[in-house]
Amino acid sequence: MDEDFAALISALPLEQPRVVPTPAQLNAFQGKLPDILLNYWKDYGWGAFGDGLFWLVNPSEFTGVLNAWCQGLINTDGAFIIARGAFGKMIVWKKGYGKFMHIMPLEHTIFTFVENKHVLAGKEDFVFANMIGRVDQESVDFEDQNEKPLFRRALKKLGALGPDEMYAFEPTLSLGGSAQLSALVKVKMEEHLSFLAQLGETEVLHLDTTRFLR
C-alpha cells in the first residue's frame, strides 16, 4: 500500500463489503484512467470509505449522470466520474489533464480546473495518488446552514448508505429547501442526481490552482 492510499484510509477507513472489478472491467479503462487508480481498484475494489462518506466508483455506472449534468455546458470527452461523496459530490478525472471537475449537485454548481502541469509532464500517477491522499472528512462532508458538518449526524439519524444511495434535502435547496438535519433524507442516488440536473441552471466556476503547484 502506498503512502497516499494509506493516508486516505487513515482519515476514512476502508469499509466492507466491496465490489472487485473483473479483468474485463479493468481493461475497459486501461489507457483512459491513471494506472495507479486501476491498481487501487484491483487491490481494494469499488466501495465506501469512512462509513460511506467517500466512495471509489465504477465510472461506467455514472456515464448517464455525467451527461445529464454537463450536456450543453462542458465537453466531457475522455472524462470519467471516479469518486463520489455521501451528499452526491462527484470527482471527475480526465486522462492527460488531471482533475477535471467537481460536480456539486446539491448546490447546482460545477467547479472546473486548469490542466495540471505535472500531468502534462507525464506524472499522472503521482498527481492522482497525491489527490487521493488529501481526501478527508472536511473535503467531502456537507455543511448545514450554520456551517456545521452534517455527515455524522445524518449517519446517526438515517443510517448507513447503500452503494446506490446518497443523502439529500427535501425539498431540494434549489426549490427553497434549507440545509438542515431535519430536511435530510436518504434517496436513490442515480435517480436523484438525474432529477437535480433538471432543476434550474447549473453555475460553472473555473478554478485556477496552478499558483499552488511547485
Protein backbone atom coordinates (compact mmCIF):
# COMPACT_ATOMS: atom_id res chain seq x y z
CA MET A 1 0.00 0.00 0.00
CA ASP A 2 1.47 3.38 -0.98
CA GLU A 3 1.60 6.26 1.48
CA ASP A 4 -1.15 8.26 -0.25
CA PHE A 5 -3.70 5.46 -0.11
CA ALA A 6 -2.61 4.79 3.46
CA ALA A 7 -3.35 8.45 4.25
CA LEU A 8 -6.83 8.06 2.76
CA ILE A 9 -7.75 5.04 4.84
CA SER A 10 -6.20 6.59 7.92
CA ALA A 11 -8.59 9.52 7.54
CA LEU A 12 -11.51 7.47 6.18
CA PRO A 13 -11.19 3.74 6.96
CA LEU A 14 -11.93 1.19 4.26
CA GLU A 15 -15.45 -0.24 4.54
CA GLN A 16 -16.71 -3.69 3.58
CA PRO A 17 -18.20 -5.24 1.50
CA ARG A 18 -16.54 -4.11 -1.73
CA VAL A 19 -17.01 -4.85 -5.43
CA VAL A 20 -13.92 -6.29 -7.12
CA PRO A 21 -13.72 -5.30 -10.80
CA THR A 22 -13.43 -8.10 -13.32
CA PRO A 23 -10.43 -8.20 -15.67
CA ALA A 24 -12.73 -7.01 -18.48
CA GLN A 25 -13.85 -4.01 -16.41
CA LEU A 26 -10.24 -3.11 -15.65
CA ASN A 27 -9.22 -3.50 -19.29
CA ALA A 28 -12.06 -1.19 -20.37
CA PHE A 29 -10.31 1.73 -18.64
CA GLN A 30 -6.72 0.82 -19.47
CA GLY A 31 -5.12 3.90 -21.02
CA LYS A 32 -8.15 6.04 -20.12
CA LEU A 33 -7.50 6.49 -16.40
CA PRO A 34 -4.29 6.54 -14.35
CA ASP A 35 -2.61 3.17 -13.91
CA ILE A 36 -2.41 3.74 -10.16
CA LEU A 37 -6.20 4.12 -9.96
CA LEU A 38 -6.67 0.82 -11.78
CA ASN A 39 -4.27 -0.74 -9.27
CA TYR A 40 -6.35 0.68 -6.40
CA TRP A 41 -9.44 -0.86 -7.98
CA LYS A 42 -7.67 -4.21 -8.38
CA ASP A 43 -6.34 -4.27 -4.81
CA TYR A 44 -9.20 -2.59 -2.91
CA GLY A 45 -12.22 -2.65 -5.23
CA TRP A 46 -15.04 -0.15 -5.58
CA GLY A 47 -16.79 0.85 -2.40
CA ALA A 48 -17.03 3.09 0.64
CA PHE A 49 -14.59 4.75 3.00
CA GLY A 50 -15.29 6.40 6.34
CA ASP A 51 -18.73 4.86 6.99
CA GLY A 52 -19.85 5.85 3.49
CA LEU A 53 -18.68 9.45 3.40
CA PHE A 54 -16.44 8.80 0.36
CA TRP A 55 -16.66 6.18 -2.41
CA LEU A 56 -14.44 4.99 -5.24
CA VAL A 57 -16.87 4.06 -8.00
CA ASN A 58 -17.21 2.29 -11.33
CA PRO A 59 -17.25 5.16 -13.87
CA SER A 60 -19.44 3.11 -16.22
CA GLU A 61 -22.31 3.42 -13.74
CA PHE A 62 -22.09 7.22 -13.80
CA THR A 63 -21.99 7.91 -17.55
CA GLY A 64 -25.64 8.96 -17.63
CA VAL A 65 -25.22 11.23 -14.61
CA LEU A 66 -22.16 12.91 -16.11
CA ASN A 67 -24.03 13.55 -19.36
CA ALA A 68 -27.07 14.87 -17.50
CA TRP A 69 -25.03 17.46 -15.64
CA CYS A 70 -22.64 18.53 -18.39
CA GLN A 71 -24.54 18.27 -21.66
CA GLY A 72 -24.53 21.67 -23.34
CA LEU A 73 -22.18 23.08 -20.70
CA ILE A 74 -18.89 21.18 -20.77
CA ASN A 75 -17.20 18.82 -23.21
CA THR A 76 -16.60 15.64 -21.22
CA ASP A 77 -14.82 13.60 -23.90
CA GLY A 78 -12.26 11.43 -22.13
CA ALA A 79 -13.55 12.40 -18.67
CA PHE A 80 -14.94 10.00 -16.07
CA ILE A 81 -16.52 10.22 -12.63
CA ILE A 82 -14.15 8.22 -10.44
CA ALA A 83 -15.35 9.05 -6.92
CA ARG A 84 -18.34 10.48 -5.10
CA GLY A 85 -19.35 11.62 -1.62
CA ALA A 86 -22.30 10.85 0.63
CA PHE A 87 -24.01 14.09 -0.45
CA GLY A 88 -23.51 13.49 -4.16
CA LYS A 89 -20.27 15.40 -4.76
CA MET A 90 -18.54 13.83 -7.78
CA ILE A 91 -14.88 13.97 -8.72
CA VAL A 92 -14.19 13.88 -12.47
CA TRP A 93 -10.79 12.90 -13.88
CA LYS A 94 -9.60 13.34 -17.45
CA LYS A 95 -6.69 11.36 -18.86
CA GLY A 96 -3.72 13.59 -19.68
CA TYR A 97 -5.40 16.52 -17.95
CA GLY A 98 -5.79 15.63 -14.28
CA LYS A 99 -8.64 16.60 -12.01
CA PHE A 100 -11.16 17.99 -14.48
CA MET A 101 -14.24 18.87 -12.41
CA HIS A 102 -16.04 18.70 -9.11
CA ILE A 103 -19.79 18.38 -9.57
CA MET A 104 -21.70 19.66 -6.54
CA PRO A 105 -25.32 18.62 -7.26
CA LEU A 106 -26.98 19.85 -4.05
CA GLU A 107 -25.64 23.33 -4.77
CA HIS A 108 -26.14 23.18 -8.56
CA THR A 109 -22.50 24.10 -9.08
CA ILE A 110 -19.68 22.65 -11.16
CA PHE A 111 -16.08 23.60 -10.45
CA THR A 112 -13.68 23.12 -13.37
CA PHE A 113 -9.89 23.13 -13.11
CA VAL A 114 -6.98 24.00 -15.39
CA GLU A 115 -4.75 21.30 -16.81
CA ASN A 116 -2.30 20.02 -14.22
CA LYS A 117 1.25 20.79 -15.33
CA HIS A 118 2.63 17.69 -13.62
CA VAL A 119 0.14 15.50 -15.51
CA LEU A 120 1.22 17.19 -18.73
CA ALA A 121 4.80 16.32 -17.79
CA GLY A 122 3.89 12.63 -17.56
CA LYS A 123 3.44 12.35 -13.79
CA GLU A 124 -0.23 11.42 -13.82
CA ASP A 125 0.08 8.61 -11.28
CA PHE A 126 1.91 10.88 -8.85
CA VAL A 127 -0.75 13.59 -9.18
CA PHE A 128 -3.64 11.16 -8.79
CA ALA A 129 -2.14 9.48 -5.73
CA ASN A 130 -1.48 12.87 -4.17
CA MET A 131 -5.11 13.87 -4.73
CA ILE A 132 -6.38 10.65 -3.13
CA GLY A 133 -4.09 11.14 -0.16
CA ARG A 134 -5.65 14.53 0.54
CA VAL A 135 -9.24 13.30 0.77
CA ASP A 136 -10.52 13.62 4.32
CA GLN A 137 -13.71 14.26 6.31
CA GLU A 138 -13.72 18.01 5.74
CA SER A 139 -13.15 17.85 1.98
CA VAL A 140 -16.15 15.55 1.34
CA ASP A 141 -18.64 16.47 4.09
CA PHE A 142 -21.51 18.91 3.57
CA GLU A 143 -22.17 21.85 5.89
CA ASP A 144 -25.57 22.87 7.19
CA GLN A 145 -26.91 26.42 7.21
CA ASN A 146 -24.82 27.11 10.32
CA GLU A 147 -21.64 25.85 8.64
CA LYS A 148 -21.55 22.69 10.74
CA PRO A 149 -20.69 19.32 9.11
CA LEU A 150 -23.69 17.08 8.56
CA PHE A 151 -22.39 13.60 7.80
CA ARG A 152 -22.07 12.12 11.29
CA ARG A 153 -25.50 13.44 12.26
CA ALA A 154 -27.02 12.16 9.01
CA LEU A 155 -25.49 8.74 9.59
CA LYS A 156 -26.94 8.58 13.09
CA LYS A 157 -30.39 9.76 12.01
CA LEU A 158 -30.82 7.96 8.68
CA GLY A 159 -28.43 5.03 8.85
CA ALA A 160 -25.64 3.94 6.56
CA LEU A 161 -25.83 4.45 2.81
CA GLY A 162 -26.02 1.64 0.31
CA PRO A 163 -23.85 1.81 -2.83
CA ASP A 164 -26.82 3.20 -4.76
CA GLU A 165 -27.86 5.81 -2.15
CA MET A 166 -26.96 9.34 -1.04
CA TYR A 167 -28.16 11.94 1.44
CA ALA A 168 -30.17 14.86 0.07
CA PHE A 169 -32.50 17.62 1.19
CA GLU A 170 -36.28 17.54 0.84
CA PRO A 171 -37.34 19.89 -0.57
CA THR A 172 -34.16 20.43 -2.57
CA LEU A 173 -32.15 23.58 -1.96
CA SER A 174 -32.93 24.80 -5.47
CA LEU A 175 -36.66 24.59 -4.69
CA GLY A 176 -36.42 26.56 -1.48
CA GLY A 177 -35.31 23.86 0.94
CA SER A 178 -32.89 24.53 3.76
CA ALA A 179 -29.60 22.86 4.61
CA GLN A 180 -30.51 21.42 7.98
CA LEU A 181 -30.56 17.97 9.52
CA SER A 182 -34.36 17.83 9.77
CA ALA A 183 -34.60 18.21 5.97
CA LEU A 184 -32.18 15.38 5.15
CA VAL A 185 -33.44 12.19 3.57
CA LYS A 186 -31.85 9.08 2.11
CA VAL A 187 -32.54 8.75 -1.65
CA LYS A 188 -31.63 6.56 -4.60
CA MET A 189 -28.55 8.26 -5.98
CA GLU A 190 -28.81 7.89 -9.75
CA GLU A 191 -32.46 8.90 -9.89
CA HIS A 192 -31.97 11.86 -7.57
CA LEU A 193 -28.87 13.16 -9.35
CA SER A 194 -30.68 12.99 -12.68
CA PHE A 195 -33.67 14.78 -11.14
CA LEU A 196 -31.48 17.54 -9.69
CA ALA A 197 -29.78 18.07 -13.05
CA GLN A 198 -33.15 19.09 -14.50
CA LEU A 199 -33.84 21.76 -11.86
CA GLY A 200 -32.79 25.27 -12.81
CA GLU A 201 -29.44 26.40 -14.13
CA THR A 202 -26.11 24.99 -13.07
CA GLU A 203 -23.37 27.51 -12.28
CA VAL A 204 -19.96 26.66 -13.73
CA LEU A 205 -16.97 28.17 -11.91
CA HIS A 206 -13.39 27.83 -13.13
CA LEU A 207 -10.66 27.43 -10.52
CA ASP A 208 -7.04 28.15 -11.36
CA THR A 209 -4.98 26.28 -8.79
CA THR A 210 -1.73 26.41 -10.76
CA ARG A 211 -0.34 29.08 -8.44
CA PHE A 212 -0.20 26.44 -5.70
CA LEU A 213 1.82 23.98 -7.78
CA ARG A 214 5.58 23.66 -7.46
